[in-house]
N, C-alpha and C. Protein backbone atom coordinates (compact mmCIF):
# COMPACT_ATOMS: atom_id res chain seq x y z
N MET A 1 0.39 -1.26 -0.08
CA MET A 1 0.15 0.10 0.41
C MET A 1 0.80 1.32 -0.06
N PRO A 2 0.89 2.20 -1.23
CA PRO A 2 1.81 3.05 -1.07
C PRO A 2 1.18 4.38 -0.96
N GLY A 3 1.22 4.42 0.73
CA GLY A 3 0.93 5.50 1.68
C GLY A 3 1.37 7.03 1.25
N LYS A 4 0.69 8.10 1.64
CA LYS A 4 1.01 9.12 1.56
C LYS A 4 2.09 9.43 2.61
N PRO A 5 3.38 10.21 2.21
CA PRO A 5 4.36 10.53 3.66
C PRO A 5 3.45 11.01 4.95
N GLU A 6 2.89 12.14 4.46
CA GLU A 6 2.48 12.86 5.65
C GLU A 6 1.70 12.19 5.98
N ARG A 7 0.90 11.16 5.99
CA ARG A 7 0.06 10.28 6.65
C ARG A 7 0.67 9.03 6.98
N ARG A 8 1.80 8.76 6.94
CA ARG A 8 2.22 7.56 7.36
C ARG A 8 1.80 6.68 8.64
N ALA A 9 2.16 8.14 9.84
CA ALA A 9 1.92 7.50 11.06
C ALA A 9 0.28 7.04 11.15
N GLU A 10 -0.40 7.95 10.36
CA GLU A 10 -2.07 7.30 10.34
C GLU A 10 -2.31 5.99 9.83
N LEU A 11 -2.00 6.14 8.82
CA LEU A 11 -1.92 4.66 7.77
C LEU A 11 -1.87 3.51 8.63
N GLU A 12 -0.33 4.10 9.62
CA GLU A 12 0.29 2.50 10.24
C GLU A 12 -0.34 2.16 11.42
N SER A 13 -0.86 3.34 12.08
CA SER A 13 -1.57 3.16 13.36
C SER A 13 -2.75 2.23 13.17
N LYS A 14 -3.78 2.76 11.77
CA LYS A 14 -5.29 2.15 11.52
C LYS A 14 -4.95 0.87 11.20
N LEU A 15 -3.91 0.51 10.62
CA LEU A 15 -3.54 -0.89 10.19
C LEU A 15 -3.09 -1.58 11.27
N LEU A 16 -2.70 -1.42 11.88
CA LEU A 16 -2.02 -2.36 13.41
C LEU A 16 -3.68 -2.68 13.68
N TYR A 17 -4.25 -1.45 14.15
CA TYR A 17 -5.49 -1.56 15.03
C TYR A 17 -6.36 -3.29 13.78
N ILE A 18 -6.07 -2.91 12.48
CA ILE A 18 -7.07 -3.98 12.13
C ILE A 18 -6.44 -5.01 12.09
N LEU A 19 -5.06 -5.07 11.78
CA LEU A 19 -4.42 -6.40 12.20
C LEU A 19 -4.57 -7.00 13.60
N ASP A 20 -4.67 -6.07 14.38
CA ASP A 20 -5.08 -6.99 15.66
C ASP A 20 -6.18 -7.47 16.00
N GLN A 21 -7.44 -6.70 15.23
CA GLN A 21 -8.95 -7.03 15.26
C GLN A 21 -9.17 -8.41 14.37
N MET A 22 -8.52 -8.52 13.27
CA MET A 22 -8.60 -9.40 12.40
C MET A 22 -7.79 -10.73 12.53
N SER A 23 -6.68 -10.28 13.59
CA SER A 23 -5.95 -11.83 14.10
C SER A 23 -6.93 -12.43 15.03
N LYS A 24 -8.65 -11.87 15.19
CA LYS A 24 -9.41 -12.72 16.15
C LYS A 24 -10.39 -13.56 15.23
N GLU A 25 -10.35 -13.42 14.05
CA GLU A 25 -11.18 -13.77 13.05
C GLU A 25 -10.91 -15.61 13.52
N PRO A 26 -12.14 -16.33 13.43
CA PRO A 26 -11.55 -17.55 13.32
C PRO A 26 -11.12 -18.42 12.25
N ASP A 27 -11.18 -17.91 10.76
CA ASP A 27 -10.83 -18.25 9.71
C ASP A 27 -9.06 -17.73 9.47
N PHE A 28 -8.65 -16.97 10.21
CA PHE A 28 -7.62 -16.14 9.92
C PHE A 28 -6.62 -17.20 10.44
N ILE A 29 -5.43 -17.29 9.83
CA ILE A 29 -4.22 -17.88 9.27
C ILE A 29 -3.09 -17.42 10.56
N ASN A 30 -2.84 -16.07 9.32
CA ASN A 30 -1.80 -15.19 10.00
C ASN A 30 -1.23 -14.27 8.94
N THR A 31 -0.57 -13.07 9.48
CA THR A 31 -0.32 -11.94 8.33
C THR A 31 1.44 -11.69 8.25
N TYR A 32 1.78 -10.81 7.56
CA TYR A 32 3.26 -10.40 7.54
C TYR A 32 3.07 -9.08 7.15
N LEU A 33 3.31 -8.19 7.72
CA LEU A 33 3.80 -6.98 7.61
C LEU A 33 4.99 -6.78 7.26
N HIS A 34 4.88 -5.59 6.28
CA HIS A 34 6.43 -5.27 5.93
C HIS A 34 6.72 -4.04 5.39
N ARG A 35 7.20 -3.20 5.55
CA ARG A 35 7.86 -1.98 4.97
C ARG A 35 8.64 -1.94 3.88
N SER A 36 8.32 -1.60 2.79
CA SER A 36 9.69 -1.28 1.73
C SER A 36 10.90 -0.47 2.16
N LEU A 37 11.91 -1.30 1.75
CA LEU A 37 13.17 -0.77 1.60
C LEU A 37 13.30 0.85 1.08
N GLU A 38 13.18 0.51 0.06
CA GLU A 38 13.10 1.90 -1.27
C GLU A 38 11.98 2.77 -1.17
N ASP A 39 10.81 2.38 -0.20
CA ASP A 39 9.77 3.92 0.02
C ASP A 39 9.89 2.80 1.28
N PRO A 40 9.97 3.88 2.27
CA PRO A 40 9.28 3.48 3.86
C PRO A 40 7.87 4.10 3.90
N ASP A 41 7.26 4.32 2.93
CA ASP A 41 5.60 5.10 3.18
C ASP A 41 4.94 3.69 2.60
N THR A 42 5.58 2.67 1.89
CA THR A 42 5.26 1.45 1.24
C THR A 42 4.99 0.60 2.23
N LEU A 43 3.84 0.09 2.56
CA LEU A 43 3.33 -1.71 3.21
C LEU A 43 2.94 -2.64 2.50
N VAL A 44 3.15 -3.64 2.70
CA VAL A 44 2.58 -4.98 2.11
C VAL A 44 2.36 -6.03 3.25
N LEU A 45 1.41 -5.95 2.83
CA LEU A 45 0.79 -7.09 4.17
C LEU A 45 0.72 -8.22 2.65
N TYR A 46 1.24 -9.61 3.56
CA TYR A 46 1.08 -11.00 3.23
C TYR A 46 -0.02 -12.05 4.18
N GLU A 47 -1.19 -11.84 3.68
CA GLU A 47 -2.25 -12.68 4.74
C GLU A 47 -2.59 -14.09 4.07
N ASN A 48 -2.82 -14.97 4.91
CA ASN A 48 -3.24 -16.51 4.87
C ASN A 48 -4.66 -16.44 5.46
N TRP A 49 -5.73 -17.07 4.94
CA TRP A 49 -6.68 -17.06 5.41
C TRP A 49 -7.40 -18.45 5.19
N ALA A 50 -8.71 -19.03 5.94
CA ALA A 50 -8.74 -20.67 5.82
C ALA A 50 -10.17 -20.50 5.22
N CYS A 51 -10.33 -19.47 4.23
CA CYS A 51 -11.63 -19.27 3.58
C CYS A 51 -11.45 -19.32 2.02
N SER A 52 -12.59 -18.98 1.28
CA SER A 52 -12.26 -18.62 -0.24
C SER A 52 -11.92 -16.92 -0.55
N GLU A 53 -11.67 -16.86 -1.21
CA GLU A 53 -11.58 -15.21 -2.12
C GLU A 53 -13.03 -14.57 -1.98
N GLN A 54 -14.30 -15.62 -2.28
CA GLN A 54 -15.37 -14.56 -1.79
C GLN A 54 -15.94 -14.51 -0.45
N HIS A 55 -15.76 -15.16 0.16
CA HIS A 55 -15.71 -14.88 1.94
C HIS A 55 -15.22 -14.08 2.19
N PHE A 56 -13.45 -13.82 1.77
CA PHE A 56 -12.95 -12.89 2.59
C PHE A 56 -13.32 -11.45 1.82
N LYS A 57 -13.82 -11.61 0.65
CA LYS A 57 -14.28 -10.22 -0.06
C LYS A 57 -15.59 -9.75 0.42
N ASP A 58 -16.43 -10.77 0.86
CA ASP A 58 -17.90 -10.40 1.02
C ASP A 58 -18.08 -10.25 3.38
N HIS A 59 -17.10 -10.94 3.57
CA HIS A 59 -16.83 -11.28 4.80
C HIS A 59 -16.11 -10.32 5.76
N HIS A 60 -14.79 -10.53 5.56
CA HIS A 60 -13.74 -9.95 6.25
C HIS A 60 -13.43 -8.79 5.66
N LEU A 61 -13.68 -7.98 4.26
CA LEU A 61 -13.60 -6.84 4.04
C LEU A 61 -14.31 -5.80 4.29
N LYS A 62 -15.75 -6.80 4.68
CA LYS A 62 -16.30 -5.67 5.29
C LYS A 62 -17.04 -5.88 6.62
N ALA A 63 -16.09 -6.38 7.44
CA ALA A 63 -16.21 -6.73 8.92
C ALA A 63 -16.45 -5.30 9.69
N SER A 64 -16.99 -5.35 10.70
CA SER A 64 -17.51 -3.65 11.68
C SER A 64 -16.29 -3.11 12.22
N TYR A 65 -15.21 -3.82 11.80
CA TYR A 65 -13.65 -3.02 12.57
C TYR A 65 -13.37 -2.61 11.70
N ARG A 66 -13.07 -2.93 10.50
CA ARG A 66 -13.21 -2.16 9.10
C ARG A 66 -13.45 -0.93 8.42
N ARG A 67 -14.96 -0.62 9.13
CA ARG A 67 -15.24 0.26 8.41
C ARG A 67 -14.77 1.77 8.06
N GLU A 68 -14.36 2.19 9.48
CA GLU A 68 -13.71 3.13 9.45
C GLU A 68 -12.48 3.41 8.54
N TYR A 69 -11.47 2.17 8.84
CA TYR A 69 -10.45 2.49 8.05
C TYR A 69 -10.86 2.22 6.40
N GLU A 70 -11.72 1.67 5.97
CA GLU A 70 -12.11 1.44 4.68
C GLU A 70 -12.55 2.51 4.15
N ALA A 71 -13.15 3.72 4.71
CA ALA A 71 -13.62 5.22 4.78
C ALA A 71 -12.84 5.65 4.63
N VAL A 72 -11.40 5.72 5.37
CA VAL A 72 -10.61 6.51 4.86
C VAL A 72 -9.21 6.38 4.08
N LEU A 73 -9.35 4.95 3.51
CA LEU A 73 -7.94 4.46 3.17
C LEU A 73 -7.70 5.40 2.29
N ALA A 74 -8.45 5.57 0.96
CA ALA A 74 -8.20 6.42 -0.09
C ALA A 74 -7.54 7.23 -0.21
N ASP A 75 -7.86 8.27 1.01
CA ASP A 75 -7.31 9.65 1.65
C ASP A 75 -5.83 9.44 2.23
N LEU A 76 -5.38 8.20 2.67
CA LEU A 76 -3.84 7.43 3.07
C LEU A 76 -2.88 7.23 2.28
N LEU A 77 -3.48 6.78 1.41
CA LEU A 77 -2.81 6.54 0.03
C LEU A 77 -2.46 7.22 -1.06
N LYS A 78 -1.23 7.58 -1.81
CA LYS A 78 -0.71 7.90 -2.93
C LYS A 78 -1.54 7.37 -4.43
N ALA A 79 -1.53 5.86 -3.91
CA ALA A 79 -2.13 5.75 -5.03
C ALA A 79 -3.16 4.08 -4.61
N PRO A 80 -4.32 3.83 -5.72
CA PRO A 80 -5.11 2.89 -4.96
C PRO A 80 -4.46 1.42 -4.68
N ARG A 81 -5.14 0.78 -3.64
CA ARG A 81 -4.81 -0.46 -2.84
C ARG A 81 -4.80 -1.04 -3.88
N THR A 82 -4.12 -2.53 -4.37
CA THR A 82 -4.41 -3.45 -4.95
C THR A 82 -4.78 -4.51 -4.00
N LEU A 83 -5.59 -5.46 -4.48
CA LEU A 83 -5.76 -7.39 -3.74
C LEU A 83 -5.48 -7.79 -4.78
N GLU A 84 -4.70 -8.93 -4.42
CA GLU A 84 -4.44 -10.38 -4.99
C GLU A 84 -4.44 -11.42 -4.43
N PHE A 85 -4.96 -12.28 -5.12
CA PHE A 85 -5.10 -13.63 -4.30
C PHE A 85 -4.81 -14.75 -5.02
N LEU A 86 -4.12 -15.46 -3.94
CA LEU A 86 -2.86 -16.56 -4.36
C LEU A 86 -3.30 -18.04 -4.00
N THR A 87 -2.31 -19.11 -5.16
CA THR A 87 -3.07 -20.15 -4.90
C THR A 87 -1.85 -20.66 -4.17
N PRO A 88 -1.35 -21.58 -3.18
CA PRO A 88 -0.19 -21.56 -2.57
C PRO A 88 0.52 -22.78 -3.72
N VAL A 89 1.72 -22.93 -3.81
CA VAL A 89 2.27 -23.88 -4.69
C VAL A 89 3.03 -24.55 -4.06
N ARG A 90 4.11 -24.54 -2.93
CA ARG A 90 4.62 -24.95 -2.35
C ARG A 90 5.55 -23.93 -0.97
N ASP A 91 5.23 -24.56 0.06
CA ASP A 91 6.34 -24.10 1.09
C ASP A 91 7.58 -24.83 1.54
N TYR A 92 8.27 -23.83 1.69
CA TYR A 92 9.76 -24.14 2.25
C TYR A 92 9.49 -23.77 3.36
N GLN A 93 10.59 -24.36 4.39
CA GLN A 93 10.99 -24.07 5.37
C GLN A 93 12.58 -24.16 5.95
N LYS A 94 12.83 -23.73 6.68
CA LYS A 94 14.32 -23.73 6.58
C LYS A 94 14.68 -25.28 7.20
N ALA A 95 15.82 -25.70 6.38
CA ALA A 95 16.21 -27.12 6.30
C ALA A 95 17.29 -27.30 7.60
N GLY A 96 16.76 -28.34 8.22
CA GLY A 96 17.27 -28.74 9.29
C GLY A 96 18.98 -29.21 9.43
N ASN A 97 19.85 -29.14 10.37
CA ASN A 97 21.22 -29.41 10.41
C ASN A 97 21.10 -30.95 11.04
């Protein structure tokens, strides 16, 4: 999410609240929040859910705890947010010694 530099703190604060709330959802698995090294105003989320894309869009994106965030998000970003849904191909873990 390419945040506006002058709104960086607000975007991050609102996003952390959302992450705390969504972590309580029964079909939430995990998420990783990253900050771009090239552009510190850009945040990237990688989320894993035990639900379909349609359920995510219909339920999670419309959850009551997201209403305020979704309503102001466009004003916090310098470009539109993009969502991409992925299918796992393979999982790698650190090899044992």
